[in-house]
Structures are given as C-alpha cells and as structure tokens.
C-alpha cells in the first residue's frame, strides 16, 4: 500500500497468497514485497519476492533454487549488478536427545543464494 502524506491510499495491491511482508523501495526505484506462500510450525515460512514497477505491476519474481523450497520472506537485496541476495531455511531432522532435546527435532540452517 502506498499512502499520501495525509494518510489516504494512493495505490494498493491485493496479495494472492497468505500475506505479504516487507514492502520496500529498491535502489533502482522499483518496489518489492515478500509474498508468503507457506507458514507452519510457528517458525517455518516460505515465499517469493515480487518486484514491481511504480504502478505495482509485477516485473520479476525471485525465490531460492537448487532444491531449497523455503525461501525465507524477510531478506531480499538487489545488488548493483542486477543480481539479488536472498536466503532459504534448510530444515533437517536431528536427534537432539544427547543435549536434552527431542530425538525427532528439526534444526534449520540458512543457505544464502545470489541469483
């Protein structure tokens, strides 16, 4: 949503999936937000980043690749060379019983990707 100085709505865009996060003006003047497509277990979220022009029309979409399906919808950086940085959560089953935890725990690592 883009507001005028008096708080009235100038432009808005309805999000098609669960919810949107992090509406941002990028260094090149385009706009972006995280389109959250999955939220589960209270901490595991996934989505994609939508880049829009100033009329809020989508011009590009980014999400992690190489089998990483949990693109974390909190960080998106457009680099000067036109590439982007984003990261995925990589949940893995781990036996944490030797540390006093669950033998069926899920531990998440972070994978940073430049696309």
C-alpha atoms as a PDB file:
ATOM      1  CA  UNK A   1       0.000   0.000   0.000  1.00  0.00           C
ATOM      2  CA  UNK A   2       1.275   3.461  -0.865  1.00  0.00           C
ATOM      3  CA  UNK A   3      -0.159   6.360   1.119  1.00  0.00           C
ATOM      4  CA  UNK A   4      -0.276  10.112   0.515  1.00  0.00           C
ATOM      5  CA  UNK A   5       1.192  12.437   3.143  1.00  0.00           C
ATOM      6  CA  UNK A   6      -2.276  12.811   4.686  1.00  0.00           C
ATOM      7  CA  UNK A   7      -2.594   9.023   5.120  1.00  0.00           C
ATOM      8  CA  UNK A   8      -5.056   8.447   2.290  1.00  0.00           C
ATOM      9  CA  UNK A   9      -4.461   5.491  -0.006  1.00  0.00           C
ATOM     10  CA  UNK A  10      -2.670   6.340  -3.252  1.00  0.00           C
ATOM     11  CA  UNK A  11      -2.186   2.760  -4.541  1.00  0.00           C
ATOM     12  CA  UNK A  12      -2.619  -0.725  -3.150  1.00  0.00           C
ATOM     13  CA  UNK A  13      -2.220  -4.303  -4.295  1.00  0.00           C
ATOM     14  CA  UNK A  14      -4.128  -7.329  -3.030  1.00  0.00           C
ATOM     15  CA  UNK A  15      -1.834 -10.249  -2.167  1.00  0.00           C
ATOM     16  CA  UNK A  16      -2.872 -13.593  -3.658  1.00  0.00           C
ATOM     17  CA  UNK A  17      -1.264 -15.937  -1.124  1.00  0.00           C
ATOM     18  CA  UNK A  18      -1.256 -15.990   2.698  1.00  0.00           C
ATOM     19  CA  UNK A  19       0.095 -12.494   3.311  1.00  0.00           C
ATOM     20  CA  UNK A  20       2.725 -10.002   2.217  1.00  0.00           C
ATOM     21  CA  UNK A  21       5.719  -8.688   4.158  1.00  0.00           C
ATOM     22  CA  UNK A  22       8.434  -6.085   3.787  1.00  0.00           C
ATOM     23  CA  UNK A  23       7.058  -3.686   1.187  1.00  0.00           C
ATOM     24  CA  UNK A  24      10.231  -1.872   0.098  1.00  0.00           C
ATOM     25  CA  UNK A  25      11.503   0.704  -2.380  1.00  0.00           C
ATOM     26  CA  UNK A  26      14.569  -0.780  -4.098  1.00  0.00           C
ATOM     27  CA  UNK A  27      17.680   1.257  -5.001  1.00  0.00           C
ATOM     28  CA  UNK A  28      16.624   1.288  -8.683  1.00  0.00           C
ATOM     29  CA  UNK A  29      13.206   2.800  -7.829  1.00  0.00           C
ATOM     30  CA  UNK A  30      11.241  -0.422  -8.260  1.00  0.00           C
ATOM     31  CA  UNK A  31       9.212  -1.842  -5.388  1.00  0.00           C
ATOM     32  CA  UNK A  32       9.256  -5.271  -3.772  1.00  0.00           C
ATOM     33  CA  UNK A  33       7.499  -7.355  -1.172  1.00  0.00           C
ATOM     34  CA  UNK A  34       7.665 -10.908   0.139  1.00  0.00           C
ATOM     35  CA  UNK A  35       4.673 -12.988  -0.910  1.00  0.00           C
ATOM     36  CA  UNK A  36       4.315 -15.604   1.837  1.00  0.00           C
ATOM     37  CA  UNK A  37       3.049 -18.907   0.426  1.00  0.00           C
ATOM     38  CA  UNK A  38       3.621 -21.190   3.426  1.00  0.00           C
ATOM     39  CA  UNK A  39       3.647 -20.682   7.195  1.00  0.00           C
ATOM     40  CA  UNK A  40       3.798 -23.652   9.529  1.00  0.00           C
ATOM     41  CA  UNK A  41       5.002 -24.804  12.936  1.00  0.00           C
ATOM     42  CA  UNK A  42       5.137 -21.239  14.217  1.00  0.00           C
ATOM     43  CA  UNK A  43       8.552 -20.532  12.685  1.00  0.00           C
ATOM     44  CA  UNK A  44       8.876 -22.110   9.244  1.00  0.00           C
ATOM     45  CA  UNK A  45       7.840 -19.787   6.444  1.00  0.00           C
ATOM     46  CA  UNK A  46       8.395 -19.747   2.717  1.00  0.00           C
ATOM     47  CA  UNK A  47       7.608 -17.423  -0.094  1.00  0.00           C
ATOM     48  CA  UNK A  48       8.927 -15.493  -3.019  1.00  0.00           C
ATOM     49  CA  UNK A  49       9.863 -11.911  -3.638  1.00  0.00           C
ATOM     50  CA  UNK A  50       7.821  -9.947  -6.140  1.00  0.00           C
ATOM     51  CA  UNK A  51       9.445  -6.935  -7.816  1.00  0.00           C
ATOM     52  CA  UNK A  52       7.030  -4.343  -9.202  1.00  0.00           C
ATOM     53  CA  UNK A  53       7.200  -1.125 -11.163  1.00  0.00           C
ATOM     54  CA  UNK A  54       5.762   2.073  -9.671  1.00  0.00           C
ATOM     55  CA  UNK A  55       2.272   1.185 -10.933  1.00  0.00           C
ATOM     56  CA  UNK A  56       2.514  -2.020  -8.800  1.00  0.00           C
ATOM     57  CA  UNK A  57       2.647  -4.245 -11.900  1.00  0.00           C
ATOM     58  CA  UNK A  58       4.920  -7.283 -11.322  1.00  0.00           C
ATOM     59  CA  UNK A  59       8.135  -7.208 -13.370  1.00  0.00           C
ATOM     60  CA  UNK A  60      10.073 -10.092 -11.778  1.00  0.00           C
ATOM     61  CA  UNK A  61       9.848 -12.853  -9.172  1.00  0.00           C
ATOM     62  CA  UNK A  62      12.667 -14.381  -7.121  1.00  0.00           C
ATOM     63  CA  UNK A  63      12.880 -17.461  -4.926  1.00  0.00           C
ATOM     64  CA  UNK A  64      15.682 -19.800  -3.944  1.00  0.00           C
ATOM     65  CA  UNK A  65      16.667 -22.636  -6.242  1.00  0.00           C
ATOM     66  CA  UNK A  66      18.660 -25.890  -6.179  1.00  0.00           C
ATOM     67  CA  UNK A  67      16.005 -27.712  -4.163  1.00  0.00           C
ATOM     68  CA  UNK A  68      15.675 -25.134  -1.387  1.00  0.00           C
ATOM     69  CA  UNK A  69      11.923 -24.617  -1.174  1.00  0.00           C
ATOM     70  CA  UNK A  70      11.819 -22.450   1.960  1.00  0.00           C
ATOM     71  CA  UNK A  71      12.808 -19.016   0.637  1.00  0.00           C
ATOM     72  CA  UNK A  72      12.722 -17.003   3.863  1.00  0.00           C
ATOM     73  CA  UNK A  73      10.453 -13.982   3.341  1.00  0.00           C
ATOM     74  CA  UNK A  74      12.475 -11.497   5.379  1.00  0.00           C
ATOM     75  CA  UNK A  75      15.605 -10.594   3.420  1.00  0.00           C
ATOM     76  CA  UNK A  76      15.941  -9.525  -0.190  1.00  0.00           C
ATOM     77  CA  UNK A  77      18.788  -7.402  -1.525  1.00  0.00           C
ATOM     78  CA  UNK A  78      19.059  -6.050  -5.043  1.00  0.00           C
ATOM     79  CA  UNK A  79      22.742  -5.708  -5.921  1.00  0.00           C
ATOM     80  CA  UNK A  80      24.231  -3.026  -8.228  1.00  0.00           C
ATOM     81  CA  UNK A  81      24.955  -5.712 -10.859  1.00  0.00           C
ATOM     82  CA  UNK A  82      21.238  -6.621 -11.040  1.00  0.00           C
ATOM     83  CA  UNK A  83      21.644  -9.859  -9.081  1.00  0.00           C
ATOM     84  CA  UNK A  84      19.766 -10.465  -5.840  1.00  0.00           C
ATOM     85  CA  UNK A  85      20.692 -11.961  -2.476  1.00  0.00           C
ATOM     86  CA  UNK A  86      18.143 -13.998  -0.583  1.00  0.00           C
ATOM     87  CA  UNK A  87      18.229 -16.915   1.756  1.00  0.00           C
ATOM     88  CA  UNK A  88      16.482 -20.182   2.359  1.00  0.00           C
ATOM     89  CA  UNK A  89      15.780 -22.067   5.527  1.00  0.00           C
ATOM     90  CA  UNK A  90      17.053 -25.639   5.339  1.00  0.00           C
ATOM     91  CA  UNK A  91      15.174 -27.721   7.942  1.00  0.00           C
ATOM     92  CA  UNK A  92      16.814 -31.050   8.738  1.00  0.00           C
ATOM     93  CA  UNK A  93      15.792 -33.777  11.204  1.00  0.00           C
ATOM     94  CA  UNK A  94      18.297 -34.024  14.061  1.00  0.00           C
ATOM     95  CA  UNK A  95      18.399 -36.220  17.163  1.00  0.00           C
ATOM     96  CA  UNK A  96      18.863 -33.638  19.933  1.00  0.00           C
ATOM     97  CA  UNK A  97      18.354 -36.114  22.814  1.00  0.00           C
ATOM     98  CA  UNK A  98      22.046 -36.049  23.789  1.00  0.00           C
ATOM     99  CA  UNK A  99      21.543 -32.325  24.541  1.00  0.00           C
ATOM    100  CA  UNK A 100      18.289 -32.830  26.455  1.00  0.00           C
ATOM    101  CA  UNK A 101      16.085 -32.194  23.425  1.00  0.00           C
ATOM    102  CA  UNK A 102      13.786 -34.233  21.264  1.00  0.00           C
ATOM    103  CA  UNK A 103      15.104 -37.227  19.345  1.00  0.00           C
ATOM    104  CA  UNK A 104      12.879 -36.028  16.478  1.00  0.00           C
ATOM    105  CA  UNK A 105      13.852 -32.357  16.407  1.00  0.00           C
ATOM    106  CA  UNK A 106      14.017 -30.195  13.325  1.00  0.00           C
ATOM    107  CA  UNK A 107      17.012 -27.858  13.084  1.00  0.00           C
ATOM    108  CA  UNK A 108      17.085 -25.167  10.418  1.00  0.00           C
ATOM    109  CA  UNK A 109      20.213 -23.844   8.770  1.00  0.00           C
ATOM    110  CA  UNK A 110      20.421 -20.827   6.476  1.00  0.00           C
ATOM    111  CA  UNK A 111      21.525 -21.002   2.852  1.00  0.00           C
ATOM    112  CA  UNK A 112      22.412 -17.690   1.158  1.00  0.00           C
ATOM    113  CA  UNK A 113      21.986 -17.536  -2.603  1.00  0.00           C
ATOM    114  CA  UNK A 114      22.918 -14.940  -5.184  1.00  0.00           C
ATOM    115  CA  UNK A 115      20.696 -15.112  -8.235  1.00  0.00           C
END
